[in-house]
PDB file of N, CA and C in Angstrom:
ATOM      1  N   UNK A   1      28.074  30.623 126.653  1.00  0.00           N
ATOM      2  CA  UNK A   1      28.682  30.730 127.993  1.00  0.00           C
ATOM      3  C   UNK A   1      29.387  29.524 128.656  1.00  0.00           C
ATOM      4  N   UNK A   2      28.880  28.370 128.291  1.00  0.00           N
ATOM      5  CA  UNK A   2      29.651  27.252 128.711  1.00  0.00           C
ATOM      6  C   UNK A   2      31.001  27.143 127.813  1.00  0.00           C
ATOM      7  N   UNK A   3      30.976  27.383 126.650  1.00  0.00           N
ATOM      8  CA  UNK A   3      32.025  27.531 125.871  1.00  0.00           C
ATOM      9  C   UNK A   3      33.257  28.225 126.465  1.00  0.00           C
ATOM     10  N   UNK A   4      32.749  29.558 126.836  1.00  0.00           N
ATOM     11  CA  UNK A   4      33.685  30.344 127.349  1.00  0.00           C
ATOM     12  C   UNK A   4      34.291  29.955 128.740  1.00  0.00           C
ATOM     13  N   UNK A   5      33.256  29.350 129.494  1.00  0.00           N
ATOM     14  CA  UNK A   5      33.789  28.747 130.830  1.00  0.00           C
ATOM     15  C   UNK A   5      34.696  27.737 130.644  1.00  0.00           C
ATOM     16  N   UNK A   6      34.368  26.974 129.697  1.00  0.00           N
ATOM     17  CA  UNK A   6      35.342  25.715 129.444  1.00  0.00           C
ATOM     18  C   UNK A   6      36.717  26.150 128.875  1.00  0.00           C
ATOM     19  N   UNK A   7      36.582  27.202 127.948  1.00  0.00           N
ATOM     20  CA  UNK A   7      38.108  27.725 127.721  1.00  0.00           C
ATOM     21  C   UNK A   7      38.848  28.348 128.905  1.00  0.00           C
ATOM     22  N   UNK A   8      38.019  29.202 129.636  1.00  0.00           N
ATOM     23  CA  UNK A   8      38.658  29.759 130.891  1.00  0.00           C
ATOM     24  C   UNK A   8      39.251  28.667 131.838  1.00  0.00           C
ATOM     25  N   UNK A   9      38.592  27.651 131.868  1.00  0.00           N
ATOM     26  CA  UNK A   9      39.033  26.652 132.844  1.00  0.00           C
ATOM     27  C   UNK A   9      40.259  25.803 132.426  1.00  0.00           C
ATOM     28  N   UNK A  10      40.178  25.753 130.870  1.00  0.00           N
ATOM     29  CA  UNK A  10      41.301  25.006 130.212  1.00  0.00           C
ATOM     30  C   UNK A  10      42.610  25.954 130.458  1.00  0.00           C
ATOM     31  N   UNK A  11      42.347  27.238 130.298  1.00  0.00           N
ATOM     32  CA  UNK A  11      43.546  28.346 130.413  1.00  0.00           C
ATOM     33  C   UNK A  11      43.998  28.188 131.813  1.00  0.00           C
ATOM     34  N   UNK A  12      43.224  28.263 132.888  1.00  0.00           N
ATOM     35  CA  UNK A  12      43.331  28.227 134.189  1.00  0.00           C
ATOM     36  C   UNK A  12      44.285  27.036 134.378  1.00  0.00           C
ATOM     37  N   UNK A  13      43.780  25.871 133.954  1.00  0.00           N
ATOM     38  CA  UNK A  13      44.645  24.586 134.096  1.00  0.00           C
ATOM     39  C   UNK A  13      45.967  24.732 133.559  1.00  0.00           C
ATOM     40  N   UNK A  14      46.115  25.318 132.280  1.00  0.00           N
ATOM     41  CA  UNK A  14      47.304  25.580 131.657  1.00  0.00           C
ATOM     42  C   UNK A  14      48.378  26.421 132.584  1.00  0.00           C
ATOM     43  N   UNK A  15      47.674  27.521 132.932  1.00  0.00           N
ATOM     44  CA  UNK A  15      48.408  28.561 133.799  1.00  0.00           C
ATOM     45  C   UNK A  15      48.889  27.728 135.070  1.00  0.00           C
ATOM     46  N   UNK A  16      48.251  27.022 135.650  1.00  0.00           N
ATOM     47  CA  UNK A  16      48.572  26.247 136.873  1.00  0.00           C
ATOM     48  C   UNK A  16      49.807  25.248 136.652  1.00  0.00           C
ATOM     49  N   UNK A  17      49.703  24.666 135.449  1.00  0.00           N
ATOM     50  CA  UNK A  17      50.671  23.751 135.084  1.00  0.00           C
ATOM     51  C   UNK A  17      52.026  24.512 134.921  1.00  0.00           C
ATOM     52  N   UNK A  18      51.873  25.585 133.994  1.00  0.00           N
ATOM     53  CA  UNK A  18      52.970  26.446 133.720  1.00  0.00           C
ATOM     54  C   UNK A  18      53.691  26.917 135.250  1.00  0.00           C
ATOM     55  N   UNK A  19      52.746  27.353 136.196  1.00  0.00           N
ATOM     56  CA  UNK A  19      53.230  27.823 137.358  1.00  0.00           C
ATOM     57  C   UNK A  19      53.947  26.801 138.208  1.00  0.00           C
ATOM     58  N   UNK A  20      53.523  25.569 137.996  1.00  0.00           N
ATOM     59  CA  UNK A  20      54.187  24.383 138.848  1.00  0.00           C
ATOM     60  C   UNK A  20      55.454  24.096 138.019  1.00  0.00           C
ATOM     61  N   UNK A  21      55.591  24.115 136.894  1.00  0.00           N
ATOM     62  CA  UNK A  21      56.763  23.994 136.085  1.00  0.00           C
ATOM     63  C   UNK A  21      57.723  24.986 136.544  1.00  0.00           C
ATOM     64  N   UNK A  22      57.333  26.252 136.527  1.00  0.00           N
ATOM     65  CA  UNK A  22      58.237  27.361 136.879  1.00  0.00           C
ATOM     66  C   UNK A  22      58.826  27.186 138.347  1.00  0.00           C
ATOM     67  N   UNK A  23      57.800  26.874 139.315  1.00  0.00           N
ATOM     68  CA  UNK A  23      58.253  26.600 140.639  1.00  0.00           C
ATOM     69  C   UNK A  23      59.278  25.560 140.835  1.00  0.00           C
ATOM     70  N   UNK A  24      59.041  24.522 140.145  1.00  0.00           N
ATOM     71  CA  UNK A  24      59.986  23.287 140.160  1.00  0.00           C
ATOM     72  C   UNK A  24      61.451  23.794 139.567  1.00  0.00           C
ATOM     73  N   UNK A  25      61.407  24.448 138.456  1.00  0.00           N
ATOM     74  CA  UNK A  25      62.660  24.918 138.006  1.00  0.00           C
ATOM     75  C   UNK A  25      63.437  25.820 139.078  1.00  0.00           C
ATOM     76  N   UNK A  26      62.531  26.812 139.603  1.00  0.00           N
ATOM     77  CA  UNK A  26      63.045  27.770 140.473  1.00  0.00           C
ATOM     78  C   UNK A  26      63.647  27.027 141.518  1.00  0.00           C
ATOM     79  N   UNK A  27      62.983  26.062 142.160  1.00  0.00           N
ATOM     80  CA  UNK A  27      63.541  25.235 143.348  1.00  0.00           C
ATOM     81  C   UNK A  27      64.846  24.604 142.890  1.00  0.00           C
ATOM     82  N   UNK A  28      65.055  24.043 141.567  1.00  0.00           N
ATOM     83  CA  UNK A  28      66.114  23.358 141.144  1.00  0.00           C
ATOM     84  C   UNK A  28      67.344  24.530 141.187  1.00  0.00           C
ATOM     85  N   UNK A  29      66.922  25.689 140.696  1.00  0.00           N
ATOM     86  CA  UNK A  29      67.973  26.769 140.539  1.00  0.00           C
ATOM     87  C   UNK A  29      68.326  27.176 141.944  1.00  0.00           C
ATOM     88  N   UNK A  30      67.481  27.286 142.975  1.00  0.00           N
ATOM     89  CA  UNK A  30      67.865  27.626 144.296  1.00  0.00           C
ATOM     90  C   UNK A  30      68.968  26.550 144.828  1.00  0.00           C
ATOM     91  N   UNK A  31      68.599  25.323 144.640  1.00  0.00           N
ATOM     92  CA  UNK A  31      69.511  24.164 145.039  1.00  0.00           C
ATOM     93  C   UNK A  31      70.919  24.515 144.431  1.00  0.00           C
ATOM     94  N   UNK A  32      70.908  24.569 142.965  1.00  0.00           N
ATOM     95  CA  UNK A  32      72.216  24.812 142.262  1.00  0.00           C
ATOM     96  C   UNK A  32      72.900  26.115 142.842  1.00  0.00           C
ATOM     97  N   UNK A  33      72.190  27.069 143.046  1.00  0.00           N
ATOM     98  CA  UNK A  33      72.790  28.372 143.529  1.00  0.00           C
ATOM     99  C   UNK A  33      73.576  28.087 144.842  1.00  0.00           C
ATOM    100  N   UNK A  34      72.779  27.260 145.663  1.00  0.00           N
ATOM    101  CA  UNK A  34      73.500  26.980 147.066  1.00  0.00           C
ATOM    102  C   UNK A  34      74.697  26.215 146.975  1.00  0.00           C
ATOM    103  N   UNK A  35      74.659  25.213 145.999  1.00  0.00           N
ATOM    104  CA  UNK A  35      75.706  24.400 145.670  1.00  0.00           C
ATOM    105  C   UNK A  35      76.928  25.334 145.110  1.00  0.00           C
ATOM    106  N   UNK A  36      76.643  26.262 144.313  1.00  0.00           N
ATOM    107  CA  UNK A  36      77.616  27.216 143.789  1.00  0.00           C
ATOM    108  C   UNK A  36      78.284  28.022 144.776  1.00  0.00           C
ATOM    109  N   UNK A  37      77.398  28.429 145.638  1.00  0.00           N
ATOM    110  CA  UNK A  37      77.837  29.373 146.838  1.00  0.00           C
ATOM    111  C   UNK A  37      78.876  28.437 147.799  1.00  0.00           C
ATOM    112  N   UNK A  38      78.403  27.180 147.948  1.00  0.00           N
ATOM    113  CA  UNK A  38      79.358  26.307 148.817  1.00  0.00           C
ATOM    114  C   UNK A  38      80.668  26.183 148.150  1.00  0.00           C
ATOM    115  N   UNK A  39      80.690  25.826 146.719  1.00  0.00           N
ATOM    116  CA  UNK A  39      81.813  25.686 145.865  1.00  0.00           C
ATOM    117  C   UNK A  39      82.818  26.836 146.040  1.00  0.00           C
ATOM    118  N   UNK A  40      82.166  28.106 145.815  1.00  0.00           N
ATOM    119  CA  UNK A  40      83.016  29.364 145.960  1.00  0.00           C
ATOM    120  C   UNK A  40      83.568  29.503 147.319  1.00  0.00           C
ATOM    121  N   UNK A  41      82.810  29.350 148.263  1.00  0.00           N
ATOM    122  CA  UNK A  41      83.394  29.484 149.729  1.00  0.00           C
ATOM    123  C   UNK A  41      84.476  28.474 149.899  1.00  0.00           C
ATOM    124  N   UNK A  42      84.495  27.246 149.339  1.00  0.00           N
ATOM    125  CA  UNK A  42      85.534  26.272 149.551  1.00  0.00           C
ATOM    126  C   UNK A  42      86.716  26.668 148.734  1.00  0.00           C
ATOM    127  N   UNK A  43      86.429  27.271 147.418  1.00  0.00           N
ATOM    128  CA  UNK A  43      87.696  27.669 146.622  1.00  0.00           C
ATOM    129  C   UNK A  43      88.234  28.866 147.338  1.00  0.00           C
ATOM    130  N   UNK A  44      87.472  29.643 147.867  1.00  0.00           N
ATOM    131  CA  UNK A  44      88.219  30.988 148.631  1.00  0.00           C
ATOM    132  C   UNK A  44      88.844  30.488 149.737  1.00  0.00           C
ATOM    133  N   UNK A  45      88.585  29.505 150.514  1.00  0.00           N
ATOM    134  CA  UNK A  45      89.265  29.012 151.754  1.00  0.00           C
ATOM    135  C   UNK A  45      90.509  28.311 151.069  1.00  0.00           C
ATOM    136  N   UNK A  46      90.451  27.489 150.007  1.00  0.00           N
ATOM    137  CA  UNK A  46      91.576  26.785 149.410  1.00  0.00           C
ATOM    138  C   UNK A  46      92.515  28.016 148.968  1.00  0.00           C
ATOM    139  N   UNK A  47      92.198  28.948 148.359  1.00  0.00           N
ATOM    140  CA  UNK A  47      93.089  29.996 147.724  1.00  0.00           C
ATOM    141  C   UNK A  47      93.764  30.659 148.944  1.00  0.00           C
ATOM    142  N   UNK A  48      93.180  31.000 150.049  1.00  0.00           N
ATOM    143  CA  UNK A  48      93.619  31.620 151.267  1.00  0.00           C
ATOM    144  C   UNK A  48      94.863  30.572 151.786  1.00  0.00           C
ATOM    145  N   UNK A  49      94.486  29.264 151.989  1.00  0.00           N
ATOM    146  CA  UNK A  49      95.454  28.222 152.315  1.00  0.00           C
ATOM    147  C   UNK A  49      96.729  28.229 151.389  1.00  0.00           C
ATOM    148  N   UNK A  50      96.508  28.299 150.278  1.00  0.00           N
ATOM    149  CA  UNK A  50      97.536  28.397 149.236  1.00  0.00           C
ATOM    150  C   UNK A  50      98.373  29.460 149.601  1.00  0.00           C
ATOM    151  N   UNK A  51      97.725  30.701 149.608  1.00  0.00           N
ATOM    152  CA  UNK A  51      98.446  31.972 149.690  1.00  0.00           C
ATOM    153  C   UNK A  51      99.423  31.780 151.120  1.00  0.00           C
ATOM    154  N   UNK A  52      98.798  31.311 152.065  1.00  0.00           N
ATOM    155  CA  UNK A  52      99.675  31.135 153.327  1.00  0.00           C
ATOM    156  C   UNK A  52     100.825  30.137 153.140  1.00  0.00           C
ATOM    157  N   UNK A  53     100.476  29.073 152.549  1.00  0.00           N
ATOM    158  CA  UNK A  53     101.513  27.988 152.152  1.00  0.00           C
ATOM    159  C   UNK A  53     102.700  28.628 151.316  1.00  0.00           C
ATOM    160  N   UNK A  54     102.216  29.403 150.231  1.00  0.00           N
ATOM    161  CA  UNK A  54     103.194  30.022 149.273  1.00  0.00           C
ATOM    162  C   UNK A  54     104.108  31.000 150.253  1.00  0.00           C
ATOM    163  N   UNK A  55     103.386  31.930 151.010  1.00  0.00           N
ATOM    164  CA  UNK A  55     104.297  32.840 151.814  1.00  0.00           C
ATOM    165  C   UNK A  55     105.187  32.037 152.657  1.00  0.00           C
ATOM    166  N   UNK A  56     104.771  30.995 153.281  1.00  0.00           N
ATOM    167  CA  UNK A  56     105.795  30.045 154.030  1.00  0.00           C
ATOM    168  C   UNK A  56     106.796  29.639 153.281  1.00  0.00           C
ATOM    169  N   UNK A  57     106.637  29.016 152.112  1.00  0.00           N
ATOM    170  CA  UNK A  57     107.753  28.563 151.204  1.00  0.00           C
ATOM    171  C   UNK A  57     108.657  29.694 150.749  1.00  0.00           C
ATOM    172  N   UNK A  58     107.972  30.737 150.463  1.00  0.00           N
ATOM    173  CA  UNK A  58     108.917  31.906 149.934  1.00  0.00           C
ATOM    174  C   UNK A  58     109.896  32.249 151.185  1.00  0.00           C
ATOM    175  N   UNK A  59     109.384  32.247 152.465  1.00  0.00           N
ATOM    176  CA  UNK A  59     110.277  32.543 153.541  1.00  0.00           C
ATOM    177  C   UNK A  59     111.279  31.528 153.771  1.00  0.00           C
ATOM    178  N   UNK A  60     110.865  30.322 153.527  1.00  0.00           N
ATOM    179  CA  UNK A  60     111.990  29.258 153.722  1.00  0.00           C
ATOM    180  C   UNK A  60     113.017  29.331 152.653  1.00  0.00           C
ATOM    181  N   UNK A  61     112.490  29.602 151.295  1.00  0.00           N
ATOM    182  CA  UNK A  61     113.414  29.748 150.254  1.00  0.00           C
ATOM    183  C   UNK A  61     114.472  30.812 150.614  1.00  0.00           C
ATOM    184  N   UNK A  62     113.979  31.952 150.869  1.00  0.00           N
ATOM    185  CA  UNK A  62     114.714  33.182 151.149  1.00  0.00           C
ATOM    186  C   UNK A  62     115.749  32.776 152.210  1.00  0.00           C
ATOM    187  N   UNK A  63     115.292  32.119 153.477  1.00  0.00           N
ATOM    188  CA  UNK A  63     116.168  31.692 154.474  1.00  0.00           C
ATOM    189  C   UNK A  63     117.452  30.884 153.809  1.00  0.00           C
ATOM    190  N   UNK A  64     116.891  29.885 152.988  1.00  0.00           N
ATOM    191  CA  UNK A  64     118.046  28.940 152.411  1.00  0.00           C
ATOM    192  C   UNK A  64     118.953  29.631 151.488  1.00  0.00           C
ATOM    193  N   UNK A  65     118.471  30.559 150.598  1.00  0.00           N
ATOM    194  CA  UNK A  65     119.190  31.419 149.815  1.00  0.00           C
ATOM    195  C   UNK A  65     120.310  32.137 150.661  1.00  0.00           C
ATOM    196  N   UNK A  66     119.799  32.913 151.657  1.00  0.00           N
ATOM    197  CA  UNK A  66     120.752  33.776 152.385  1.00  0.00           C
ATOM    198  C   UNK A  66     121.788  32.870 153.119  1.00  0.00           C
ATOM    199  N   UNK A  67     121.419  31.638 153.705  1.00  0.00           N
ATOM    200  CA  UNK A  67     122.367  30.738 154.235  1.00  0.00           C
ATOM    201  C   UNK A  67     123.268  30.249 153.213  1.00  0.00           C
ATOM    202  N   UNK A  68     122.966  30.109 151.914  1.00  0.00           N
ATOM    203  CA  UNK A  68     123.834  29.508 150.923  1.00  0.00           C
ATOM    204  C   UNK A  68     124.759  30.743 150.547  1.00  0.00           C
ATOM    205  N   UNK A  69     124.347  31.906 150.454  1.00  0.00           N
ATOM    206  CA  UNK A  69     125.249  32.954 150.153  1.00  0.00           C
ATOM    207  C   UNK A  69     126.223  33.195 151.277  1.00  0.00           C
ATOM    208  N   UNK A  70     125.813  33.159 152.581  1.00  0.00           N
ATOM    209  CA  UNK A  70     126.666  33.336 153.641  1.00  0.00           C
ATOM    210  C   UNK A  70     127.726  32.170 153.652  1.00  0.00           C
ATOM    211  N   UNK A  71     127.426  30.907 153.354  1.00  0.00           N
ATOM    212  CA  UNK A  71     128.234  29.829 153.343  1.00  0.00           C
ATOM    213  C   UNK A  71     129.260  30.023 152.111  1.00  0.00           C
ATOM    214  N   UNK A  72     128.810  30.495 150.996  1.00  0.00           N
ATOM    215  CA  UNK A  72     129.701  30.727 149.953  1.00  0.00           C
ATOM    216  C   UNK A  72     130.820  31.811 150.166  1.00  0.00           C
ATOM    217  N   UNK A  73     130.330  32.852 150.863  1.00  0.00           N
ATOM    218  CA  UNK A  73     131.183  34.027 151.176  1.00  0.00           C
ATOM    219  C   UNK A  73     132.092  33.388 152.316  1.00  0.00           C
ATOM    220  N   UNK A  74     131.825  32.656 153.125  1.00  0.00           N
ATOM    221  CA  UNK A  74     132.858  31.944 153.993  1.00  0.00           C
ATOM    222  C   UNK A  74     133.874  31.135 153.396  1.00  0.00           C
ATOM    223  N   UNK A  75     133.301  30.269 152.400  1.00  0.00           N
ATOM    224  CA  UNK A  75     134.150  29.539 151.633  1.00  0.00           C
ATOM    225  C   UNK A  75     135.143  30.337 150.778  1.00  0.00           C
ATOM    226  N   UNK A  76     134.861  31.367 150.296  1.00  0.00           N
ATOM    227  CA  UNK A  76     135.612  32.349 149.534  1.00  0.00           C
ATOM    228  C   UNK A  76     136.707  32.921 150.366  1.00  0.00           C
ATOM    229  N   UNK A  77     136.394  33.392 151.543  1.00  0.00           N
ATOM    230  CA  UNK A  77     137.336  33.802 152.561  1.00  0.00           C
ATOM    231  C   UNK A  77     138.385  32.839 152.927  1.00  0.00           C
ATOM    232  N   UNK A  78     137.791  31.510 153.257  1.00  0.00           N
ATOM    233  CA  UNK A  78     138.753  30.481 153.615  1.00  0.00           C
ATOM    234  C   UNK A  78     139.767  30.175 152.395  1.00  0.00           C
ATOM    235  N   UNK A  79     139.245  30.212 151.231  1.00  0.00           N
ATOM    236  CA  UNK A  79     140.107  29.781 150.064  1.00  0.00           C
ATOM    237  C   UNK A  79     141.133  30.938 149.777  1.00  0.00           C
ATOM    238  N   UNK A  80     140.816  32.303 150.119  1.00  0.00           N
ATOM    239  CA  UNK A  80     141.708  33.358 150.044  1.00  0.00           C
ATOM    240  C   UNK A  80     142.731  33.197 151.082  1.00  0.00           C
ATOM    241  N   UNK A  81     142.245  32.919 152.427  1.00  0.00           N
ATOM    242  CA  UNK A  81     143.373  32.752 153.464  1.00  0.00           C
ATOM    243  C   UNK A  81     144.207  31.278 153.049  1.00  0.00           C
ATOM    244  N   UNK A  82     143.679  30.215 152.605  1.00  0.00           N
ATOM    245  CA  UNK A  82     144.279  29.034 152.251  1.00  0.00           C
ATOM    246  C   UNK A  82     145.360  29.562 151.110  1.00  0.00           C
ATOM    247  N   UNK A  83     145.085  30.351 150.149  1.00  0.00           N
ATOM    248  CA  UNK A  83     145.976  30.700 148.833  1.00  0.00           C
ATOM    249  C   UNK A  83     147.070  31.648 149.673  1.00  0.00           C
ATOM    250  N   UNK A  84     146.779  32.524 150.521  1.00  0.00           N
ATOM    251  CA  UNK A  84     147.770  33.338 150.995  1.00  0.00           C
ATOM    252  C   UNK A  84     148.648  32.703 151.864  1.00  0.00           C
ATOM    253  N   UNK A  85     148.184  31.675 152.632  1.00  0.00           N
ATOM    254  CA  UNK A  85     148.941  30.837 153.603  1.00  0.00           C
ATOM    255  C   UNK A  85     149.978  29.997 152.786  1.00  0.00           C
ATOM    256  N   UNK A  86     149.425  29.450 151.682  1.00  0.00           N
ATOM    257  CA  UNK A  86     150.241  28.529 150.885  1.00  0.00           C
ATOM    258  C   UNK A  86     151.339  29.324 150.029  1.00  0.00           C
ATOM    259  N   UNK A  87     150.982  30.378 149.668  1.00  0.00           N
ATOM    260  CA  UNK A  87     152.074  31.339 149.054  1.00  0.00           C
ATOM    261  C   UNK A  87     153.081  31.739 150.000  1.00  0.00           C
ATOM    262  N   UNK A  88     152.568  32.176 151.314  1.00  0.00           N
ATOM    263  CA  UNK A  88     153.661  32.475 152.211  1.00  0.00           C
ATOM    264  C   UNK A  88     154.553  31.182 152.609  1.00  0.00           C
ATOM    265  N   UNK A  89     154.077  30.153 152.789  1.00  0.00           N
ATOM    266  CA  UNK A  89     154.765  28.923 153.105  1.00  0.00           C
ATOM    267  C   UNK A  89     155.671  28.413 151.913  1.00  0.00           C
ATOM    268  N   UNK A  90     155.261  28.561 150.729  1.00  0.00           N
ATOM    269  CA  UNK A  90     156.030  28.348 149.542  1.00  0.00           C
ATOM    270  C   UNK A  90     157.279  29.415 149.526  1.00  0.00           C
ATOM    271  N   UNK A  91     156.948  30.603 149.749  1.00  0.00           N
ATOM    272  CA  UNK A  91     158.080  31.775 149.847  1.00  0.00           C
ATOM    273  C   UNK A  91     159.093  31.455 150.856  1.00  0.00           C
ATOM    274  N   UNK A  92     158.661  30.927 152.085  1.00  0.00           N
ATOM    275  CA  UNK A  92     159.458  30.491 153.168  1.00  0.00           C
ATOM    276  C   UNK A  92     160.399  29.426 152.720  1.00  0.00           C
ATOM    277  N   UNK A  93     159.671  28.358 152.171  1.00  0.00           N
ATOM    278  CA  UNK A  93     160.546  27.211 151.775  1.00  0.00           C
ATOM    279  C   UNK A  93     161.574  27.565 150.799  1.00  0.00           C
ATOM    280  N   UNK A  94     161.159  28.365 149.647  1.00  0.00           N
ATOM    281  CA  UNK A  94     162.084  28.581 148.685  1.00  0.00           C
ATOM    282  C   UNK A  94     163.129  29.552 148.934  1.00  0.00           C
ATOM    283  N   UNK A  95     162.648  30.655 149.653  1.00  0.00           N
ATOM    284  CA  UNK A  95     163.619  31.750 149.932  1.00  0.00           C
ATOM    285  C   UNK A  95     164.082  31.878 151.437  1.00  0.00           C
ATOM    286  N   UNK A  96     163.722  30.924 152.279  1.00  0.00           N
ATOM    287  CA  UNK A  96     164.133  30.939 153.658  1.00  0.00           C
ATOM    288  C   UNK A  96     165.598  30.718 153.788  1.00  0.00           C
ATOM    289  N   UNK A  97     166.274  29.928 153.358  1.00  0.00           N
ATOM    290  CA  UNK A  97     167.695  29.688 153.473  1.00  0.00           C
ATOM    291  C   UNK A  97     168.327  30.997 153.045  1.00  0.00           C
ATOM    292  N   UNK A  98     168.031  31.615 151.949  1.00  0.00           N
ATOM    293  CA  UNK A  98     168.601  32.802 151.473  1.00  0.00           C
ATOM    294  C   UNK A  98     168.425  34.037 152.386  1.00  0.00           C
ATOM    295  N   UNK A  99     167.245  34.028 152.966  1.00  0.00           N
ATOM    296  CA  UNK A  99     166.895  34.958 153.988  1.00  0.00           C
ATOM    297  C   UNK A  99     167.826  34.944 155.109  1.00  0.00           C
ATOM    298  N   UNK A 100     167.858  33.753 155.551  1.00  0.00           N
ATOM    299  CA  UNK A 100     168.592  33.471 156.784  1.00  0.00           C
ATOM    300  C   UNK A 100     170.071  33.777 156.508  1.00  0.00           C
ATOM    301  N   UNK A 101     170.468  33.391 155.352  1.00  0.00           N
ATOM    302  CA  UNK A 101     172.099  33.720 155.117  1.00  0.00           C
ATOM    303  C   UNK A 101     172.249  35.146 155.021  1.00  0.00           C
ATOM    304  N   UNK A 102     171.162  35.989 154.470  1.00  0.00           N
ATOM    305  CA  UNK A 102     171.393  37.335 154.374  1.00  0.00           C
ATOM    306  C   UNK A 102     171.396  37.940 155.609  1.00  0.00           C
ATOM    307  N   UNK A 103     170.536  37.469 156.552  1.00  0.00           N
ATOM    308  CA  UNK A 103     170.372  38.009 157.878  1.00  0.00           C
ATOM    309  C   UNK A 103     171.675  37.615 158.814  1.00  0.00           C
ATOM    310  N   UNK A 104     172.393  36.769 158.203  1.00  0.00           N
ATOM    311  CA  UNK A 104     173.531  36.306 159.013  1.00  0.00           C
ATOM    312  C   UNK A 104     173.473  35.093 159.864  1.00  0.00           C
ATOM    313  N   UNK A 105     172.354  34.313 159.827  1.00  0.00           N
ATOM    314  CA  UNK A 105     172.128  33.424 160.676  1.00  0.00           C
ATOM    315  C   UNK A 105     172.771  32.055 160.191  1.00  0.00           C
TER     316      UNK A 105
END
């Protein structure tokens, strides 16, 4: 009887040790899980901020591209006017006297 009681006491002590070990591991896991949740929350916030910044940069880039296209169009129009004016002026200089003579001036 004493032998059985001794074995039962030893097994109970082992079980208590195992329970204590499991509880300490579980407490560590709870802390690690809380840290992981905090990291995930921070990352989610960072991703949202990055999306907002990216949207803002895309809007700015689109505006700059539109302004650049408008500026290029205006420059092309001015170049065409300049070319036409130069051609007209050259024609007047070259053929002006002949035209005046033809008109009788």
